[in-house]
Amino acid sequence: MPHAPSLWRGSAPLLLASTSPTRRALLASAGLAVDIQAPGVDERAVEAEAAGLSPEALAGRLAAAKAGAVAAQRPDRVVIGADQVLDLDGTVFHKPADRAGAAVHLARLQGRTHALHSAVALAVGGAVVERFVATARLTMRPLDEAGIAAYLDAAGPAVTGSVGAYQLEGVGIHLFDRIEGDHSTILGLPLLPLLARLRGRGLLAF
Protein backbone atom coordinates (compact mmCIF):
# COMPACT_ATOMS: atom_id res chain seq x y z
CA MET A 1 0.00 0.00 0.00
CA PRO A 2 1.53 3.36 -0.97
CA HIS A 3 2.18 5.77 1.88
CA ALA A 4 1.19 9.41 1.96
CA PRO A 5 3.85 12.08 1.40
CA SER A 6 5.56 12.97 4.66
CA LEU A 7 3.77 15.62 6.68
CA TRP A 8 6.25 15.34 9.56
CA ARG A 9 8.17 18.52 10.37
CA GLY A 10 10.49 17.29 13.11
CA SER A 11 14.26 17.55 12.60
CA ALA A 12 14.40 13.73 12.72
CA PRO A 13 11.68 11.12 12.18
CA LEU A 14 9.27 10.38 14.97
CA LEU A 15 10.70 7.55 17.08
CA LEU A 16 8.19 4.82 17.94
CA ALA A 17 9.10 2.89 21.08
CA SER A 18 7.66 -0.32 19.69
CA THR A 19 8.33 -2.97 17.07
CA SER A 20 4.62 -3.30 16.25
CA PRO A 21 4.22 -3.39 12.46
CA THR A 22 0.59 -2.30 12.84
CA ARG A 23 1.46 0.86 14.76
CA ARG A 24 4.29 1.70 12.40
CA ALA A 25 2.00 1.24 9.40
CA LEU A 26 -0.67 3.49 10.93
CA LEU A 27 1.85 6.30 11.40
CA ALA A 28 3.34 5.87 7.94
CA SER A 29 -0.07 5.80 6.26
CA ALA A 30 -0.86 9.10 8.00
CA GLY A 31 2.18 10.66 6.35
CA LEU A 32 4.55 10.64 9.34
CA ALA A 33 8.23 9.84 8.98
CA VAL A 34 8.88 7.18 11.62
CA ASP A 35 11.74 5.11 13.02
CA ILE A 36 11.30 2.27 15.51
CA GLN A 37 13.21 1.14 18.56
CA ALA A 38 12.29 -1.71 20.90
CA PRO A 39 11.75 -0.29 24.39
CA GLY A 40 13.04 -3.33 26.26
CA VAL A 41 10.41 -2.92 28.98
CA ASP A 42 9.22 -5.88 31.08
CA GLU A 43 5.48 -5.27 30.78
CA ARG A 44 4.51 -7.80 33.44
CA ALA A 45 6.93 -6.19 35.91
CA VAL A 46 5.42 -2.76 35.22
CA GLU A 47 1.98 -4.26 35.70
CA ALA A 48 3.00 -5.81 39.03
CA GLU A 49 4.35 -2.46 40.24
CA ALA A 50 1.10 -0.80 39.14
CA ALA A 51 -1.14 -3.15 41.16
CA GLY A 52 -4.33 -1.39 42.10
CA LEU A 53 -4.50 0.83 39.06
CA SER A 54 -7.56 0.67 36.83
CA PRO A 55 -7.05 -1.07 33.46
CA GLU A 56 -7.23 2.34 31.76
CA ALA A 57 -4.56 3.80 34.04
CA LEU A 58 -2.43 0.68 33.57
CA ALA A 59 -2.44 1.23 29.79
CA GLY A 60 -1.15 4.77 30.36
CA ARG A 61 1.55 3.56 32.75
CA LEU A 62 2.77 0.96 30.25
CA ALA A 63 2.85 3.47 27.38
CA ALA A 64 4.80 5.93 29.55
CA ALA A 65 7.28 3.25 30.59
CA LYS A 66 8.00 2.41 26.95
CA ALA A 67 8.31 6.03 25.84
CA GLY A 68 10.46 6.89 28.84
CA ALA A 69 12.84 3.96 28.32
CA VAL A 70 13.60 4.95 24.72
CA ALA A 71 13.58 8.70 25.38
CA ALA A 72 16.22 8.28 28.10
CA GLN A 73 18.52 6.81 25.45
CA ARG A 74 17.51 9.26 22.71
CA PRO A 75 16.80 12.65 24.34
CA ASP A 76 17.36 14.29 20.95
CA ARG A 77 14.25 12.64 19.48
CA VAL A 78 10.49 12.99 19.76
CA VAL A 79 9.39 9.60 21.06
CA ILE A 80 6.01 7.96 21.44
CA GLY A 81 5.21 4.82 23.39
CA ALA A 82 1.93 2.96 23.09
CA ASP A 83 0.16 0.11 24.80
CA GLN A 84 -3.26 -1.49 24.79
CA VAL A 85 -5.12 -3.20 27.63
CA LEU A 86 -8.16 -5.43 27.18
CA ASP A 87 -10.56 -4.92 30.07
CA LEU A 88 -13.49 -7.21 30.80
CA ASP A 89 -15.32 -5.72 33.78
CA GLY A 90 -12.04 -4.77 35.44
CA THR A 91 -10.13 -7.95 34.57
CA VAL A 92 -7.09 -7.45 32.34
CA PHE A 93 -6.42 -9.99 29.59
CA HIS A 94 -3.01 -10.80 28.07
CA LYS A 95 -2.11 -12.47 24.80
CA PRO A 96 -2.98 -16.19 24.91
CA ALA A 97 0.00 -18.53 24.89
CA ASP A 98 -1.60 -21.09 22.58
CA ARG A 99 -4.83 -22.23 20.94
CA ALA A 100 -6.19 -23.61 24.21
CA GLY A 101 -5.57 -20.27 25.92
CA ALA A 102 -7.27 -18.47 23.05
CA ALA A 103 -10.33 -20.72 23.44
CA VAL A 104 -10.50 -19.86 27.15
CA HIS A 105 -10.32 -16.13 26.36
CA LEU A 106 -13.08 -16.37 23.78
CA ALA A 107 -15.31 -18.41 26.07
CA ARG A 108 -15.08 -15.60 28.64
CA LEU A 109 -15.57 -12.78 26.11
CA GLN A 110 -18.43 -14.28 24.09
CA GLY A 111 -21.78 -12.64 24.58
CA ARG A 112 -20.29 -9.75 26.54
CA THR A 113 -18.89 -6.26 25.99
CA HIS A 114 -15.24 -5.56 26.72
CA ALA A 115 -13.11 -2.42 26.48
CA LEU A 116 -9.85 -1.84 24.66
CA HIS A 117 -7.89 0.96 26.33
CA SER A 118 -5.24 2.28 23.92
CA ALA A 119 -2.70 4.61 25.49
CA VAL A 120 -0.01 6.85 24.01
CA ALA A 121 2.78 8.66 25.83
CA LEU A 122 4.77 11.46 24.19
CA ALA A 123 8.35 12.17 25.24
CA VAL A 124 10.37 15.25 24.30
CA GLY A 125 13.88 16.11 25.49
CA GLY A 126 14.34 12.75 27.17
CA ALA A 127 11.21 12.83 29.36
CA VAL A 128 7.51 11.99 29.01
CA VAL A 129 5.58 15.26 28.69
CA GLU A 130 2.05 13.96 28.24
CA ARG A 131 -0.02 10.84 27.83
CA PHE A 132 -3.62 10.00 27.01
CA VAL A 133 -5.92 7.00 26.70
CA ALA A 134 -8.69 6.36 24.17
CA THR A 135 -11.20 3.56 24.67
CA ALA A 136 -13.21 1.40 22.29
CA ARG A 137 -15.97 -1.00 23.34
CA LEU A 138 -16.62 -4.25 21.52
CA THR A 139 -19.55 -6.60 21.98
CA MET A 140 -18.82 -10.18 21.02
CA ARG A 141 -21.74 -12.26 19.80
CA PRO A 142 -22.70 -15.41 21.72
CA LEU A 143 -20.55 -18.38 20.70
CA ASP A 144 -20.69 -22.03 21.70
CA GLU A 145 -17.70 -24.39 21.75
CA ALA A 146 -18.25 -25.38 18.11
CA GLY A 147 -18.35 -21.72 17.03
CA ILE A 148 -15.17 -20.94 18.92
CA ALA A 149 -13.43 -23.96 17.40
CA ALA A 150 -14.54 -22.96 13.90
CA TYR A 151 -13.16 -19.47 14.42
CA LEU A 152 -9.85 -20.79 15.77
CA ASP A 153 -9.53 -23.08 12.75
CA ALA A 154 -10.12 -20.15 10.41
CA ALA A 155 -7.82 -17.71 12.23
CA GLY A 156 -4.91 -20.12 12.70
CA PRO A 157 -1.76 -19.23 14.65
CA ALA A 158 -2.55 -15.50 14.49
CA VAL A 159 -4.83 -15.91 17.51
CA THR A 160 -1.80 -15.81 19.82
CA GLY A 161 -0.58 -12.53 18.35
CA SER A 162 -3.14 -10.21 19.89
CA VAL A 163 -4.91 -9.60 23.17
CA GLY A 164 -8.32 -11.24 23.10
CA ALA A 165 -7.25 -13.75 20.42
CA TYR A 166 -8.70 -11.77 17.52
CA GLN A 167 -7.70 -9.29 14.83
CA LEU A 168 -10.48 -7.21 13.35
CA GLU A 169 -8.51 -6.80 10.12
CA GLY A 170 -9.01 -10.53 9.51
CA VAL A 171 -11.58 -13.18 10.33
CA GLY A 172 -11.86 -11.80 13.87
CA ILE A 173 -14.49 -9.40 12.56
CA HIS A 174 -16.93 -12.34 12.47
CA LEU A 175 -16.88 -12.52 16.28
CA PHE A 176 -18.68 -9.26 16.90
CA ASP A 177 -22.20 -7.87 17.05
CA ARG A 178 -21.27 -4.25 17.75
CA ILE A 179 -18.14 -2.10 17.85
CA GLU A 180 -18.00 1.39 19.34
CA GLY A 181 -14.82 3.38 18.87
CA ASP A 182 -12.27 4.64 16.40
CA HIS A 183 -10.62 1.99 14.23
CA SER A 184 -7.10 3.17 15.05
CA THR A 185 -7.90 2.92 18.75
CA ILE A 186 -8.92 -0.69 18.26
CA LEU A 187 -5.64 -1.32 16.42
CA GLY A 188 -3.69 0.08 19.38
CA LEU A 189 -2.71 3.60 18.35
CA PRO A 190 -5.43 6.30 18.59
CA LEU A 191 -4.41 8.56 15.74
CA LEU A 192 -6.83 11.48 16.07
CA PRO A 193 -5.75 12.58 19.57
CA LEU A 194 -2.12 11.82 18.77
CA LEU A 195 -2.13 13.94 15.62
CA ALA A 196 -3.82 16.78 17.50
CA ARG A 197 -1.03 16.80 20.07
CA LEU A 198 1.69 16.67 17.42
CA ARG A 199 0.05 19.57 15.56
CA GLY A 200 -0.04 21.52 18.80
CA ARG A 201 3.73 21.18 19.03
CA GLY A 202 4.27 22.34 15.46
CA LEU A 203 5.44 18.92 14.32
CA LEU A 204 2.99 18.48 11.42
CA ALA A 205 2.67 20.40 8.15
CA PHE A 206 -0.94 21.47 8.86
C-alpha atoms as a PDB file:
ATOM      1  CA  MET A   1       0.000   0.000   0.000  1.00  0.00           C
ATOM      2  CA  PRO A   2       1.531   3.361  -0.967  1.00  0.00           C
ATOM      3  CA  HIS A   3       2.184   5.772   1.878  1.00  0.00           C
ATOM      4  CA  ALA A   4       1.193   9.408   1.958  1.00  0.00           C
ATOM      5  CA  PRO A   5       3.853  12.080   1.395  1.00  0.00           C
ATOM      6  CA  SER A   6       5.558  12.967   4.660  1.00  0.00           C
ATOM      7  CA  LEU A   7       3.768  15.616   6.685  1.00  0.00           C
ATOM      8  CA  TRP A   8       6.250  15.341   9.556  1.00  0.00           C
ATOM      9  CA  ARG A   9       8.167  18.517  10.371  1.00  0.00           C
ATOM     10  CA  GLY A  10      10.494  17.286  13.109  1.00  0.00           C
ATOM     11  CA  SER A  11      14.260  17.552  12.603  1.00  0.00           C
ATOM     12  CA  ALA A  12      14.399  13.732  12.722  1.00  0.00           C
ATOM     13  CA  PRO A  13      11.685  11.120  12.176  1.00  0.00           C
ATOM     14  CA  LEU A  14       9.272  10.381  14.968  1.00  0.00           C
ATOM     15  CA  LEU A  15      10.698   7.552  17.083  1.00  0.00           C
ATOM     16  CA  LEU A  16       8.189   4.823  17.935  1.00  0.00           C
ATOM     17  CA  ALA A  17       9.098   2.890  21.084  1.00  0.00           C
ATOM     18  CA  SER A  18       7.664  -0.319  19.689  1.00  0.00           C
ATOM     19  CA  THR A  19       8.331  -2.967  17.073  1.00  0.00           C
ATOM     20  CA  SER A  20       4.622  -3.299  16.252  1.00  0.00           C
ATOM     21  CA  PRO A  21       4.216  -3.392  12.458  1.00  0.00           C
ATOM     22  CA  THR A  22       0.591  -2.296  12.836  1.00  0.00           C
ATOM     23  CA  ARG A  23       1.461   0.865  14.762  1.00  0.00           C
ATOM     24  CA  ARG A  24       4.293   1.704  12.398  1.00  0.00           C
ATOM     25  CA  ALA A  25       1.998   1.235   9.396  1.00  0.00           C
ATOM     26  CA  LEU A  26      -0.667   3.493  10.926  1.00  0.00           C
ATOM     27  CA  LEU A  27       1.854   6.298  11.399  1.00  0.00           C
ATOM     28  CA  ALA A  28       3.344   5.872   7.940  1.00  0.00           C
ATOM     29  CA  SER A  29      -0.071   5.804   6.263  1.00  0.00           C
ATOM     30  CA  ALA A  30      -0.863   9.100   7.996  1.00  0.00           C
ATOM     31  CA  GLY A  31       2.181  10.665   6.348  1.00  0.00           C
ATOM     32  CA  LEU A  32       4.554  10.636   9.339  1.00  0.00           C
ATOM     33  CA  ALA A  33       8.233   9.842   8.979  1.00  0.00           C
ATOM     34  CA  VAL A  34       8.883   7.181  11.624  1.00  0.00           C
ATOM     35  CA  ASP A  35      11.736   5.108  13.020  1.00  0.00           C
ATOM     36  CA  ILE A  36      11.296   2.273  15.509  1.00  0.00           C
ATOM     37  CA  GLN A  37      13.209   1.145  18.563  1.00  0.00           C
ATOM     38  CA  ALA A  38      12.293  -1.706  20.897  1.00  0.00           C
ATOM     39  CA  PRO A  39      11.747  -0.286  24.387  1.00  0.00           C
ATOM     40  CA  GLY A  40      13.041  -3.328  26.258  1.00  0.00           C
ATOM     41  CA  VAL A  41      10.412  -2.924  28.979  1.00  0.00           C
ATOM     42  CA  ASP A  42       9.219  -5.876  31.078  1.00  0.00           C
ATOM     43  CA  GLU A  43       5.485  -5.272  30.779  1.00  0.00           C
ATOM     44  CA  ARG A  44       4.511  -7.796  33.436  1.00  0.00           C
ATOM     45  CA  ALA A  45       6.935  -6.188  35.908  1.00  0.00           C
ATOM     46  CA  VAL A  46       5.420  -2.756  35.217  1.00  0.00           C
ATOM     47  CA  GLU A  47       1.975  -4.265  35.699  1.00  0.00           C
ATOM     48  CA  ALA A  48       3.000  -5.806  39.034  1.00  0.00           C
ATOM     49  CA  GLU A  49       4.353  -2.456  40.237  1.00  0.00           C
ATOM     50  CA  ALA A  50       1.104  -0.799  39.143  1.00  0.00           C
ATOM     51  CA  ALA A  51      -1.137  -3.154  41.155  1.00  0.00           C
ATOM     52  CA  GLY A  52      -4.330  -1.391  42.103  1.00  0.00           C
ATOM     53  CA  LEU A  53      -4.503   0.832  39.058  1.00  0.00           C
ATOM     54  CA  SER A  54      -7.555   0.667  36.829  1.00  0.00           C
ATOM     55  CA  PRO A  55      -7.048  -1.073  33.460  1.00  0.00           C
ATOM     56  CA  GLU A  56      -7.231   2.341  31.757  1.00  0.00           C
ATOM     57  CA  ALA A  57      -4.558   3.802  34.036  1.00  0.00           C
ATOM     58  CA  LEU A  58      -2.432   0.685  33.568  1.00  0.00           C
ATOM     59  CA  ALA A  59      -2.440   1.232  29.787  1.00  0.00           C
ATOM     60  CA  GLY A  60      -1.154   4.771  30.364  1.00  0.00           C
ATOM     61  CA  ARG A  61       1.545   3.558  32.746  1.00  0.00           C
ATOM     62  CA  LEU A  62       2.768   0.958  30.245  1.00  0.00           C
ATOM     63  CA  ALA A  63       2.855   3.472  27.383  1.00  0.00           C
ATOM     64  CA  ALA A  64       4.800   5.931  29.549  1.00  0.00           C
ATOM     65  CA  ALA A  65       7.284   3.249  30.589  1.00  0.00           C
ATOM     66  CA  LYS A  66       8.004   2.415  26.949  1.00  0.00           C
ATOM     67  CA  ALA A  67       8.310   6.034  25.835  1.00  0.00           C
ATOM     68  CA  GLY A  68      10.464   6.890  28.841  1.00  0.00           C
ATOM     69  CA  ALA A  69      12.844   3.964  28.319  1.00  0.00           C
ATOM     70  CA  VAL A  70      13.596   4.952  24.718  1.00  0.00           C
ATOM     71  CA  ALA A  71      13.585   8.702  25.377  1.00  0.00           C
ATOM     72  CA  ALA A  72      16.222   8.282  28.096  1.00  0.00           C
ATOM     73  CA  GLN A  73      18.521   6.812  25.447  1.00  0.00           C
ATOM     74  CA  ARG A  74      17.506   9.261  22.709  1.00  0.00           C
ATOM     75  CA  PRO A  75      16.800  12.649  24.337  1.00  0.00           C
ATOM     76  CA  ASP A  76      17.359  14.294  20.950  1.00  0.00           C
ATOM     77  CA  ARG A  77      14.249  12.636  19.481  1.00  0.00           C
ATOM     78  CA  VAL A  78      10.492  12.993  19.760  1.00  0.00           C
ATOM     79  CA  VAL A  79       9.390   9.596  21.062  1.00  0.00           C
ATOM     80  CA  ILE A  80       6.012   7.956  21.443  1.00  0.00           C
ATOM     81  CA  GLY A  81       5.215   4.820  23.390  1.00  0.00           C
ATOM     82  CA  ALA A  82       1.932   2.958  23.085  1.00  0.00           C
ATOM     83  CA  ASP A  83       0.159   0.111  24.800  1.00  0.00           C
ATOM     84  CA  GLN A  84      -3.256  -1.491  24.793  1.00  0.00           C
ATOM     85  CA  VAL A  85      -5.122  -3.203  27.630  1.00  0.00           C
ATOM     86  CA  LEU A  86      -8.164  -5.429  27.179  1.00  0.00           C
ATOM     87  CA  ASP A  87     -10.556  -4.916  30.074  1.00  0.00           C
ATOM     88  CA  LEU A  88     -13.492  -7.206  30.804  1.00  0.00           C
ATOM     89  CA  ASP A  89     -15.322  -5.716  33.784  1.00  0.00           C
ATOM     90  CA  GLY A  90     -12.038  -4.774  35.444  1.00  0.00           C
ATOM     91  CA  THR A  91     -10.133  -7.952  34.568  1.00  0.00           C
ATOM     92  CA  VAL A  92      -7.089  -7.454  32.340  1.00  0.00           C
ATOM     93  CA  PHE A  93      -6.421  -9.985  29.585  1.00  0.00           C
ATOM     94  CA  HIS A  94      -3.013 -10.797  28.070  1.00  0.00           C
ATOM     95  CA  LYS A  95      -2.105 -12.465  24.796  1.00  0.00           C
ATOM     96  CA  PRO A  96      -2.983 -16.191  24.908  1.00  0.00           C
ATOM     97  CA  ALA A  97      -0.002 -18.534  24.887  1.00  0.00           C
ATOM     98  CA  ASP A  98      -1.598 -21.088  22.578  1.00  0.00           C
ATOM     99  CA  ARG A  99      -4.827 -22.225  20.938  1.00  0.00           C
ATOM    100  CA  ALA A 100      -6.188 -23.608  24.205  1.00  0.00           C
ATOM    101  CA  GLY A 101      -5.571 -20.269  25.920  1.00  0.00           C
ATOM    102  CA  ALA A 102      -7.273 -18.468  23.049  1.00  0.00           C
ATOM    103  CA  ALA A 103     -10.326 -20.718  23.440  1.00  0.00           C
ATOM    104  CA  VAL A 104     -10.498 -19.857  27.147  1.00  0.00           C
ATOM    105  CA  HIS A 105     -10.318 -16.129  26.361  1.00  0.00           C
ATOM    106  CA  LEU A 106     -13.078 -16.366  23.779  1.00  0.00           C
ATOM    107  CA  ALA A 107     -15.305 -18.406  26.072  1.00  0.00           C
ATOM    108  CA  ARG A 108     -15.083 -15.604  28.639  1.00  0.00           C
ATOM    109  CA  LEU A 109     -15.571 -12.783  26.111  1.00  0.00           C
ATOM    110  CA  GLN A 110     -18.431 -14.282  24.093  1.00  0.00           C
ATOM    111  CA  GLY A 111     -21.784 -12.644  24.579  1.00  0.00           C
ATOM    112  CA  ARG A 112     -20.285  -9.754  26.541  1.00  0.00           C
ATOM    113  CA  THR A 113     -18.894  -6.256  25.993  1.00  0.00           C
ATOM    114  CA  HIS A 114     -15.238  -5.563  26.716  1.00  0.00           C
ATOM    115  CA  ALA A 115     -13.113  -2.423  26.481  1.00  0.00           C
ATOM    116  CA  LEU A 116      -9.850  -1.836  24.659  1.00  0.00           C
ATOM    117  CA  HIS A 117      -7.891   0.963  26.330  1.00  0.00           C
ATOM    118  CA  SER A 118      -5.245   2.277  23.920  1.00  0.00           C
ATOM    119  CA  ALA A 119      -2.699   4.609  25.493  1.00  0.00           C
ATOM    120  CA  VAL A 120      -0.012   6.845  24.010  1.00  0.00           C
ATOM    121  CA  ALA A 121       2.780   8.659  25.828  1.00  0.00           C
ATOM    122  CA  LEU A 122       4.772  11.461  24.188  1.00  0.00           C
ATOM    123  CA  ALA A 123       8.355  12.173  25.239  1.00  0.00           C
ATOM    124  CA  VAL A 124      10.375  15.245  24.301  1.00  0.00           C
ATOM    125  CA  GLY A 125      13.880  16.108  25.490  1.00  0.00           C
ATOM    126  CA  GLY A 126      14.338  12.751  27.171  1.00  0.00           C
ATOM    127  CA  ALA A 127      11.205  12.832  29.355  1.00  0.00           C
ATOM    128  CA  VAL A 128       7.513  11.994  29.009  1.00  0.00           C
ATOM    129  CA  VAL A 129       5.583  15.256  28.686  1.00  0.00           C
ATOM    130  CA  GLU A 130       2.047  13.955  28.243  1.00  0.00           C
ATOM    131  CA  ARG A 131      -0.023  10.836  27.834  1.00  0.00           C
ATOM    132  CA  PHE A 132      -3.619  10.002  27.009  1.00  0.00           C
ATOM    133  CA  VAL A 133      -5.921   6.999  26.701  1.00  0.00           C
ATOM    134  CA  ALA A 134      -8.688   6.355  24.173  1.00  0.00           C
ATOM    135  CA  THR A 135     -11.203   3.557  24.673  1.00  0.00           C
ATOM    136  CA  ALA A 136     -13.208   1.401  22.292  1.00  0.00           C
ATOM    137  CA  ARG A 137     -15.970  -0.999  23.342  1.00  0.00           C
ATOM    138  CA  LEU A 138     -16.615  -4.255  21.521  1.00  0.00           C
ATOM    139  CA  THR A 139     -19.553  -6.595  21.981  1.00  0.00           C
ATOM    140  CA  MET A 140     -18.825 -10.181  21.020  1.00  0.00           C
ATOM    141  CA  ARG A 141     -21.740 -12.262  19.805  1.00  0.00           C
ATOM    142  CA  PRO A 142     -22.698 -15.415  21.717  1.00  0.00           C
ATOM    143  CA  LEU A 143     -20.547 -18.376  20.698  1.00  0.00           C
ATOM    144  CA  ASP A 144     -20.687 -22.031  21.697  1.00  0.00           C
ATOM    145  CA  GLU A 145     -17.705 -24.390  21.747  1.00  0.00           C
ATOM    146  CA  ALA A 146     -18.252 -25.377  18.112  1.00  0.00           C
ATOM    147  CA  GLY A 147     -18.352 -21.725  17.026  1.00  0.00           C
ATOM    148  CA  ILE A 148     -15.165 -20.936  18.916  1.00  0.00           C
ATOM    149  CA  ALA A 149     -13.426 -23.960  17.401  1.00  0.00           C
ATOM    150  CA  ALA A 150     -14.538 -22.960  13.898  1.00  0.00           C
ATOM    151  CA  TYR A 151     -13.159 -19.466  14.420  1.00  0.00           C
ATOM    152  CA  LEU A 152      -9.846 -20.793  15.769  1.00  0.00           C
ATOM    153  CA  ASP A 153      -9.530 -23.082  12.751  1.00  0.00           C
ATOM    154  CA  ALA A 154     -10.120 -20.149  10.408  1.00  0.00           C
ATOM    155  CA  ALA A 155      -7.819 -17.709  12.233  1.00  0.00           C
ATOM    156  CA  GLY A 156      -4.915 -20.120  12.699  1.00  0.00           C
ATOM    157  CA  PRO A 157      -1.756 -19.232  14.650  1.00  0.00           C
ATOM    158  CA  ALA A 158      -2.546 -15.501  14.486  1.00  0.00           C
ATOM    159  CA  VAL A 159      -4.832 -15.910  17.511  1.00  0.00           C
ATOM    160  CA  THR A 160      -1.797 -15.813  19.822  1.00  0.00           C
ATOM    161  CA  GLY A 161      -0.582 -12.531  18.353  1.00  0.00           C
ATOM    162  CA  SER A 162      -3.142 -10.208  19.892  1.00  0.00           C
ATOM    163  CA  VAL A 163      -4.906  -9.599  23.166  1.00  0.00           C
ATOM    164  CA  GLY A 164      -8.322 -11.239  23.104  1.00  0.00           C
ATOM    165  CA  ALA A 165      -7.253 -13.749  20.421  1.00  0.00           C
ATOM    166  CA  TYR A 166      -8.698 -11.767  17.516  1.00  0.00           C
ATOM    167  CA  GLN A 167      -7.704  -9.288  14.831  1.00  0.00           C
ATOM    168  CA  LEU A 168     -10.477  -7.205  13.351  1.00  0.00           C
ATOM    169  CA  GLU A 169      -8.506  -6.801  10.120  1.00  0.00           C
ATOM    170  CA  GLY A 170      -9.013 -10.525   9.506  1.00  0.00           C
ATOM    171  CA  VAL A 171     -11.575 -13.183  10.327  1.00  0.00           C
ATOM    172  CA  GLY A 172     -11.860 -11.801  13.867  1.00  0.00           C
ATOM    173  CA  ILE A 173     -14.487  -9.402  12.557  1.00  0.00           C
ATOM    174  CA  HIS A 174     -16.930 -12.344  12.473  1.00  0.00           C
ATOM    175  CA  LEU A 175     -16.880 -12.521  16.281  1.00  0.00           C
ATOM    176  CA  PHE A 176     -18.681  -9.255  16.902  1.00  0.00           C
ATOM    177  CA  ASP A 177     -22.201  -7.871  17.053  1.00  0.00           C
ATOM    178  CA  ARG A 178     -21.269  -4.248  17.754  1.00  0.00           C
ATOM    179  CA  ILE A 179     -18.140  -2.101  17.852  1.00  0.00           C
ATOM    180  CA  GLU A 180     -18.001   1.394  19.339  1.00  0.00           C
ATOM    181  CA  GLY A 181     -14.822   3.381  18.872  1.00  0.00           C
ATOM    182  CA  ASP A 182     -12.274   4.640  16.401  1.00  0.00           C
ATOM    183  CA  HIS A 183     -10.621   1.990  14.230  1.00  0.00           C
ATOM    184  CA  SER A 184      -7.096   3.165  15.048  1.00  0.00           C
ATOM    185  CA  THR A 185      -7.901   2.923  18.753  1.00  0.00           C
ATOM    186  CA  ILE A 186      -8.919  -0.688  18.260  1.00  0.00           C
ATOM    187  CA  LEU A 187      -5.638  -1.318  16.419  1.00  0.00           C
ATOM    188  CA  GLY A 188      -3.694   0.085  19.375  1.00  0.00           C
ATOM    189  CA  LEU A 189      -2.712   3.600  18.353  1.00  0.00           C
ATOM    190  CA  PRO A 190      -5.430   6.296  18.589  1.00  0.00           C
ATOM    191  CA  LEU A 191      -4.406   8.559  15.738  1.00  0.00           C
ATOM    192  CA  LEU A 192      -6.827  11.477  16.072  1.00  0.00           C
ATOM    193  CA  PRO A 193      -5.754  12.585  19.573  1.00  0.00           C
ATOM    194  CA  LEU A 194      -2.117  11.817  18.766  1.00  0.00           C
ATOM    195  CA  LEU A 195      -2.128  13.942  15.616  1.00  0.00           C
ATOM    196  CA  ALA A 196      -3.824  16.784  17.499  1.00  0.00           C
ATOM    197  CA  ARG A 197      -1.026  16.799  20.069  1.00  0.00           C
ATOM    198  CA  LEU A 198       1.688  16.669  17.424  1.00  0.00           C
ATOM    199  CA  ARG A 199       0.054  19.575  15.562  1.00  0.00           C
ATOM    200  CA  GLY A 200      -0.042  21.519  18.799  1.00  0.00           C
ATOM    201  CA  ARG A 201       3.728  21.180  19.034  1.00  0.00           C
ATOM    202  CA  GLY A 202       4.274  22.339  15.464  1.00  0.00           C
ATOM    203  CA  LEU A 203       5.436  18.918  14.315  1.00  0.00           C
ATOM    204  CA  LEU A 204       2.991  18.478  11.421  1.00  0.00           C
ATOM    205  CA  ALA A 205       2.665  20.396   8.154  1.00  0.00           C
ATOM    206  CA  PHE A 206      -0.936  21.470   8.864  1.00  0.00           C
END
